[in-house]
C-alpha atoms as a PDB file:
ATOM      1  CA  UNK A   1      -0.668  11.451  34.895  1.00  0.00           C
ATOM      2  CA  UNK A   2      -3.075   8.960  36.472  1.00  0.00           C
ATOM      3  CA  UNK A   3      -6.051  10.742  34.904  1.00  0.00           C
ATOM      4  CA  UNK A   4      -4.394  10.520  31.462  1.00  0.00           C
ATOM      5  CA  UNK A   5      -3.809   6.788  31.883  1.00  0.00           C
ATOM      6  CA  UNK A   6      -7.409   6.337  33.034  1.00  0.00           C
ATOM      7  CA  UNK A   7      -8.773   8.158  29.968  1.00  0.00           C
ATOM      8  CA  UNK A   8      -6.504   6.087  27.711  1.00  0.00           C
ATOM      9  CA  UNK A   9      -7.825   2.859  29.218  1.00  0.00           C
ATOM     10  CA  UNK A  10     -11.417   4.034  28.833  1.00  0.00           C
ATOM     11  CA  UNK A  11     -10.742   4.877  25.181  1.00  0.00           C
ATOM     12  CA  UNK A  12      -9.259   1.450  24.492  1.00  0.00           C
ATOM     13  CA  UNK A  13     -12.022  -0.462  26.261  1.00  0.00           C
ATOM     14  CA  UNK A  14     -14.806   1.418  24.482  1.00  0.00           C
ATOM     15  CA  UNK A  15     -13.354   1.062  20.968  1.00  0.00           C
ATOM     16  CA  UNK A  16     -15.805  -0.158  18.367  1.00  0.00           C
ATOM     17  CA  UNK A  17     -14.854  -2.796  15.821  1.00  0.00           C
ATOM     18  CA  UNK A  18     -16.641  -2.626  12.501  1.00  0.00           C
ATOM     19  CA  UNK A  19     -16.356  -5.661  10.270  1.00  0.00           C
ATOM     20  CA  UNK A  20     -16.848  -4.824   6.627  1.00  0.00           C
ATOM     21  CA  UNK A  21     -18.351  -7.685   4.608  1.00  0.00           C
ATOM     22  CA  UNK A  22     -16.281  -8.415   1.486  1.00  0.00           C
ATOM     23  CA  UNK A  23     -17.349 -10.246  -1.624  1.00  0.00           C
ATOM     24  CA  UNK A  24     -14.950 -11.906  -4.022  1.00  0.00           C
ATOM     25  CA  UNK A  25     -15.609 -11.395  -7.707  1.00  0.00           C
ATOM     26  CA  UNK A  26     -14.118 -12.961 -10.795  1.00  0.00           C
ATOM     27  CA  UNK A  27     -10.717 -11.348 -11.381  1.00  0.00           C
ATOM     28  CA  UNK A  28     -10.135  -9.129 -14.407  1.00  0.00           C
ATOM     29  CA  UNK A  29      -7.375 -11.549 -15.392  1.00  0.00           C
ATOM     30  CA  UNK A  30      -9.954 -14.295 -16.001  1.00  0.00           C
ATOM     31  CA  UNK A  31     -12.047 -11.963 -18.145  1.00  0.00           C
ATOM     32  CA  UNK A  32      -8.984 -10.922 -20.156  1.00  0.00           C
ATOM     33  CA  UNK A  33      -8.062 -14.589 -20.723  1.00  0.00           C
ATOM     34  CA  UNK A  34     -11.621 -15.322 -21.859  1.00  0.00           C
ATOM     35  CA  UNK A  35     -11.488 -12.372 -24.300  1.00  0.00           C
ATOM     36  CA  UNK A  36      -8.076 -13.474 -25.602  1.00  0.00           C
ATOM     37  CA  UNK A  37      -6.312 -10.235 -24.639  1.00  0.00           C
ATOM     38  CA  UNK A  38      -4.409 -11.283 -21.516  1.00  0.00           C
ATOM     39  CA  UNK A  39      -1.139 -12.254 -23.245  1.00  0.00           C
ATOM     40  CA  UNK A  40      -0.867  -8.908 -25.051  1.00  0.00           C
ATOM     41  CA  UNK A  41      -1.677  -7.141 -21.762  1.00  0.00           C
ATOM     42  CA  UNK A  42       0.991  -9.203 -19.971  1.00  0.00           C
ATOM     43  CA  UNK A  43       3.624  -8.393 -22.622  1.00  0.00           C
ATOM     44  CA  UNK A  44       2.811  -4.682 -22.430  1.00  0.00           C
ATOM     45  CA  UNK A  45       2.938  -4.597 -18.621  1.00  0.00           C
ATOM     46  CA  UNK A  46       6.197  -6.565 -18.475  1.00  0.00           C
ATOM     47  CA  UNK A  47       7.765  -4.167 -21.021  1.00  0.00           C
ATOM     48  CA  UNK A  48       6.637  -1.200 -18.931  1.00  0.00           C
ATOM     49  CA  UNK A  49       8.052  -2.789 -15.798  1.00  0.00           C
ATOM     50  CA  UNK A  50      11.339  -3.658 -17.527  1.00  0.00           C
ATOM     51  CA  UNK A  51      11.782  -0.031 -18.580  1.00  0.00           C
ATOM     52  CA  UNK A  52      10.910   1.182 -15.088  1.00  0.00           C
ATOM     53  CA  UNK A  53      13.613   2.937 -13.065  1.00  0.00           C
ATOM     54  CA  UNK A  54      13.032   0.376 -10.296  1.00  0.00           C
ATOM     55  CA  UNK A  55      16.063  -1.747  -9.669  1.00  0.00           C
ATOM     56  CA  UNK A  56      14.193  -5.070  -9.582  1.00  0.00           C
ATOM     57  CA  UNK A  57      11.027  -4.787 -11.685  1.00  0.00           C
ATOM     58  CA  UNK A  58       8.411  -7.416 -10.885  1.00  0.00           C
ATOM     59  CA  UNK A  59       6.804  -9.603 -13.497  1.00  0.00           C
ATOM     60  CA  UNK A  60       3.082  -9.013 -13.905  1.00  0.00           C
ATOM     61  CA  UNK A  61       1.324 -11.297 -11.469  1.00  0.00           C
ATOM     62  CA  UNK A  62      -1.624  -9.064 -10.718  1.00  0.00           C
ATOM     63  CA  UNK A  63      -5.373  -9.346 -11.113  1.00  0.00           C
ATOM     64  CA  UNK A  64      -5.571 -12.636  -9.229  1.00  0.00           C
ATOM     65  CA  UNK A  65      -7.977 -11.411  -6.557  1.00  0.00           C
ATOM     66  CA  UNK A  66     -10.631  -8.722  -6.523  1.00  0.00           C
ATOM     67  CA  UNK A  67     -12.834  -7.844  -3.613  1.00  0.00           C
ATOM     68  CA  UNK A  68     -15.834  -5.563  -3.644  1.00  0.00           C
ATOM     69  CA  UNK A  69     -17.824  -4.051  -0.837  1.00  0.00           C
ATOM     70  CA  UNK A  70     -20.843  -1.849  -0.267  1.00  0.00           C
ATOM     71  CA  UNK A  71     -20.585   1.829   0.564  1.00  0.00           C
ATOM     72  CA  UNK A  72     -23.079   4.646   0.644  1.00  0.00           C
ATOM     73  CA  UNK A  73     -22.560   8.279  -0.271  1.00  0.00           C
ATOM     74  CA  UNK A  74     -24.746  11.231   0.597  1.00  0.00           C
ATOM     75  CA  UNK A  75     -27.832  12.111   2.608  1.00  0.00           C
ATOM     76  CA  UNK A  76     -30.049  10.194   2.116  1.00  0.00           C
ATOM     77  CA  UNK A  77     -27.574   7.414   1.333  1.00  0.00           C
ATOM     78  CA  UNK A  78     -27.053   6.247  -2.246  1.00  0.00           C
ATOM     79  CA  UNK A  79     -25.596   2.739  -2.284  1.00  0.00           C
ATOM     80  CA  UNK A  80     -22.634   1.637  -4.423  1.00  0.00           C
ATOM     81  CA  UNK A  81     -20.547  -1.484  -4.890  1.00  0.00           C
ATOM     82  CA  UNK A  82     -16.874  -0.516  -5.117  1.00  0.00           C
ATOM     83  CA  UNK A  83     -13.661  -2.414  -5.798  1.00  0.00           C
ATOM     84  CA  UNK A  84     -11.374  -2.271  -2.768  1.00  0.00           C
ATOM     85  CA  UNK A  85      -8.150  -1.238  -4.463  1.00  0.00           C
ATOM     86  CA  UNK A  86      -5.115  -1.238  -2.178  1.00  0.00           C
ATOM     87  CA  UNK A  87      -2.954   0.196  -4.962  1.00  0.00           C
ATOM     88  CA  UNK A  88      -4.816   3.487  -5.141  1.00  0.00           C
ATOM     89  CA  UNK A  89      -5.952   6.136  -2.699  1.00  0.00           C
ATOM     90  CA  UNK A  90      -8.781   7.390  -4.903  1.00  0.00           C
ATOM     91  CA  UNK A  91     -12.442   6.762  -4.193  1.00  0.00           C
ATOM     92  CA  UNK A  92     -14.590   7.523  -7.197  1.00  0.00           C
ATOM     93  CA  UNK A  93     -18.006   6.554  -8.492  1.00  0.00           C
ATOM     94  CA  UNK A  94     -19.832   7.286 -11.729  1.00  0.00           C
ATOM     95  CA  UNK A  95     -21.834  10.497 -11.531  1.00  0.00           C
ATOM     96  CA  UNK A  96     -25.040  11.504 -13.283  1.00  0.00           C
ATOM     97  CA  UNK A  97     -22.788  13.835 -15.301  1.00  0.00           C
ATOM     98  CA  UNK A  98     -21.132  10.783 -16.888  1.00  0.00           C
ATOM     99  CA  UNK A  99     -21.404  10.254 -20.629  1.00  0.00           C
ATOM    100  CA  UNK A 100     -22.273   7.031 -22.498  1.00  0.00           C
ATOM    101  CA  UNK A 101     -19.248   5.274 -20.949  1.00  0.00           C
ATOM    102  CA  UNK A 102     -21.184   4.889 -17.679  1.00  0.00           C
ATOM    103  CA  UNK A 103     -24.257   3.310 -19.272  1.00  0.00           C
ATOM    104  CA  UNK A 104     -25.420   0.420 -17.113  1.00  0.00           C
ATOM    105  CA  UNK A 105     -23.598   1.719 -14.025  1.00  0.00           C
ATOM    106  CA  UNK A 106     -25.281   3.081 -10.916  1.00  0.00           C
ATOM    107  CA  UNK A 107     -24.589   6.832 -10.770  1.00  0.00           C
ATOM    108  CA  UNK A 108     -24.343   9.250  -7.843  1.00  0.00           C
ATOM    109  CA  UNK A 109     -26.961  11.971  -8.130  1.00  0.00           C
ATOM    110  CA  UNK A 110     -25.616  15.120  -6.472  1.00  0.00           C
ATOM    111  CA  UNK A 111     -29.050  16.780  -6.568  1.00  0.00           C
ATOM    112  CA  UNK A 112     -30.476  14.060  -4.325  1.00  0.00           C
ATOM    113  CA  UNK A 113     -27.934  14.571  -1.523  1.00  0.00           C
ATOM    114  CA  UNK A 114     -28.537  17.384   0.946  1.00  0.00           C
ATOM    115  CA  UNK A 115     -24.943  17.118   2.217  1.00  0.00           C
ATOM    116  CA  UNK A 116     -23.096  17.171  -1.134  1.00  0.00           C
ATOM    117  CA  UNK A 117     -20.652  20.050  -1.668  1.00  0.00           C
ATOM    118  CA  UNK A 118     -19.313  20.591  -5.187  1.00  0.00           C
ATOM    119  CA  UNK A 119     -15.643  21.301  -5.790  1.00  0.00           C
ATOM    120  CA  UNK A 120     -13.994  23.177  -8.637  1.00  0.00           C
ATOM    121  CA  UNK A 121     -11.205  20.578  -8.702  1.00  0.00           C
ATOM    122  CA  UNK A 122     -11.040  17.907 -11.376  1.00  0.00           C
ATOM    123  CA  UNK A 123      -9.866  14.363 -10.829  1.00  0.00           C
ATOM    124  CA  UNK A 124      -8.166  11.905 -13.121  1.00  0.00           C
ATOM    125  CA  UNK A 125      -6.850   8.459 -12.288  1.00  0.00           C
ATOM    126  CA  UNK A 126      -4.993   6.062 -14.582  1.00  0.00           C
ATOM    127  CA  UNK A 127      -4.259   2.462 -13.644  1.00  0.00           C
ATOM    128  CA  UNK A 128      -1.511   0.105 -14.829  1.00  0.00           C
ATOM    129  CA  UNK A 129      -3.732  -1.468 -17.455  1.00  0.00           C
ATOM    130  CA  UNK A 130      -4.137   2.037 -18.924  1.00  0.00           C
ATOM    131  CA  UNK A 131      -7.774   2.234 -17.834  1.00  0.00           C
ATOM    132  CA  UNK A 132      -8.758   5.637 -16.559  1.00  0.00           C
ATOM    133  CA  UNK A 133     -11.564   7.665 -15.063  1.00  0.00           C
ATOM    134  CA  UNK A 134     -11.915  11.430 -15.279  1.00  0.00           C
ATOM    135  CA  UNK A 135     -14.349  13.840 -13.714  1.00  0.00           C
ATOM    136  CA  UNK A 136     -14.751  16.222 -10.814  1.00  0.00           C
ATOM    137  CA  UNK A 137     -14.168  16.075  -7.084  1.00  0.00           C
ATOM    138  CA  UNK A 138     -16.867  16.570  -4.506  1.00  0.00           C
ATOM    139  CA  UNK A 139     -17.387  16.220  -0.763  1.00  0.00           C
ATOM    140  CA  UNK A 140     -20.087  14.296   1.032  1.00  0.00           C
ATOM    141  CA  UNK A 141     -20.743  11.754   3.760  1.00  0.00           C
ATOM    142  CA  UNK A 142     -19.218   8.375   2.844  1.00  0.00           C
ATOM    143  CA  UNK A 143     -20.284   5.328   4.798  1.00  0.00           C
ATOM    144  CA  UNK A 144     -18.378   2.049   4.650  1.00  0.00           C
ATOM    145  CA  UNK A 145     -20.971  -0.692   4.694  1.00  0.00           C
ATOM    146  CA  UNK A 146     -24.326  -0.829   3.005  1.00  0.00           C
ATOM    147  CA  UNK A 147     -27.626   0.374   4.362  1.00  0.00           C
ATOM    148  CA  UNK A 148     -28.335  -2.951   6.122  1.00  0.00           C
ATOM    149  CA  UNK A 149     -24.757  -3.632   7.319  1.00  0.00           C
ATOM    150  CA  UNK A 150     -22.614  -2.402  10.213  1.00  0.00           C
ATOM    151  CA  UNK A 151     -21.023   0.804   9.046  1.00  0.00           C
ATOM    152  CA  UNK A 152     -18.449   3.477   9.649  1.00  0.00           C
ATOM    153  CA  UNK A 153     -19.490   7.030   8.772  1.00  0.00           C
ATOM    154  CA  UNK A 154     -16.843   9.382   7.360  1.00  0.00           C
ATOM    155  CA  UNK A 155     -18.219  12.927   7.091  1.00  0.00           C
ATOM    156  CA  UNK A 156     -16.902  15.468   4.580  1.00  0.00           C
ATOM    157  CA  UNK A 157     -15.086  12.879   2.449  1.00  0.00           C
ATOM    158  CA  UNK A 158     -13.561  13.910  -0.858  1.00  0.00           C
ATOM    159  CA  UNK A 159     -14.283  11.573  -3.756  1.00  0.00           C
ATOM    160  CA  UNK A 160     -14.340  11.622  -7.532  1.00  0.00           C
ATOM    161  CA  UNK A 161     -17.457  11.810  -9.674  1.00  0.00           C
ATOM    162  CA  UNK A 162     -16.606  10.225 -13.001  1.00  0.00           C
ATOM    163  CA  UNK A 163     -17.831  11.941 -16.151  1.00  0.00           C
ATOM    164  CA  UNK A 164     -15.997   9.497 -18.450  1.00  0.00           C
ATOM    165  CA  UNK A 165     -14.628   5.949 -18.067  1.00  0.00           C
ATOM    166  CA  UNK A 166     -12.266   4.173 -20.442  1.00  0.00           C
ATOM    167  CA  UNK A 167     -13.615   1.080 -22.267  1.00  0.00           C
ATOM    168  CA  UNK A 168     -11.886  -1.310 -19.827  1.00  0.00           C
ATOM    169  CA  UNK A 169     -14.582  -0.497 -17.253  1.00  0.00           C
ATOM    170  CA  UNK A 170     -17.469  -1.558 -19.496  1.00  0.00           C
ATOM    171  CA  UNK A 171     -17.583  -5.144 -18.198  1.00  0.00           C
ATOM    172  CA  UNK A 172     -16.249  -4.527 -14.684  1.00  0.00           C
ATOM    173  CA  UNK A 173     -18.794  -5.413 -12.017  1.00  0.00           C
ATOM    174  CA  UNK A 174     -19.069  -2.397  -9.747  1.00  0.00           C
ATOM    175  CA  UNK A 175     -21.583   0.393  -9.437  1.00  0.00           C
END
């Protein structure tokens, strides 16, 4: 019993705190307002929410804040800027297999990572604004934090490699 308590105290006192630098970027909402499409988006989202089986559907008040951060994937590390999306559990980045829809985006090159393991599984994610990404899953080392930042290494992480992005991602600032 005493040994267990001692080991617990040692574990707590030696815990490492990693602070991940975040950067704010202009929200998608501002871009949609500038393009003149926000009101039609808002009407569509509010109609979807009104027809939802939820008892108290919320009005669309999203896209007010967006934060991005640096991560690396692979060995040697390939750096990406990703949107930290708390509404989704999917990590994905454009892959070198991506078509024209990823032009101008930084792409993960599986051939340049000695730790990448391909998967036969596909991935597809669709967001509330009807944007989507489709591709394949893979496994590799994912590191939270860029190459010159404090970081947390997560070995054997599953992530998506996009082979196609919907047009909504064309002007989004991420890798």
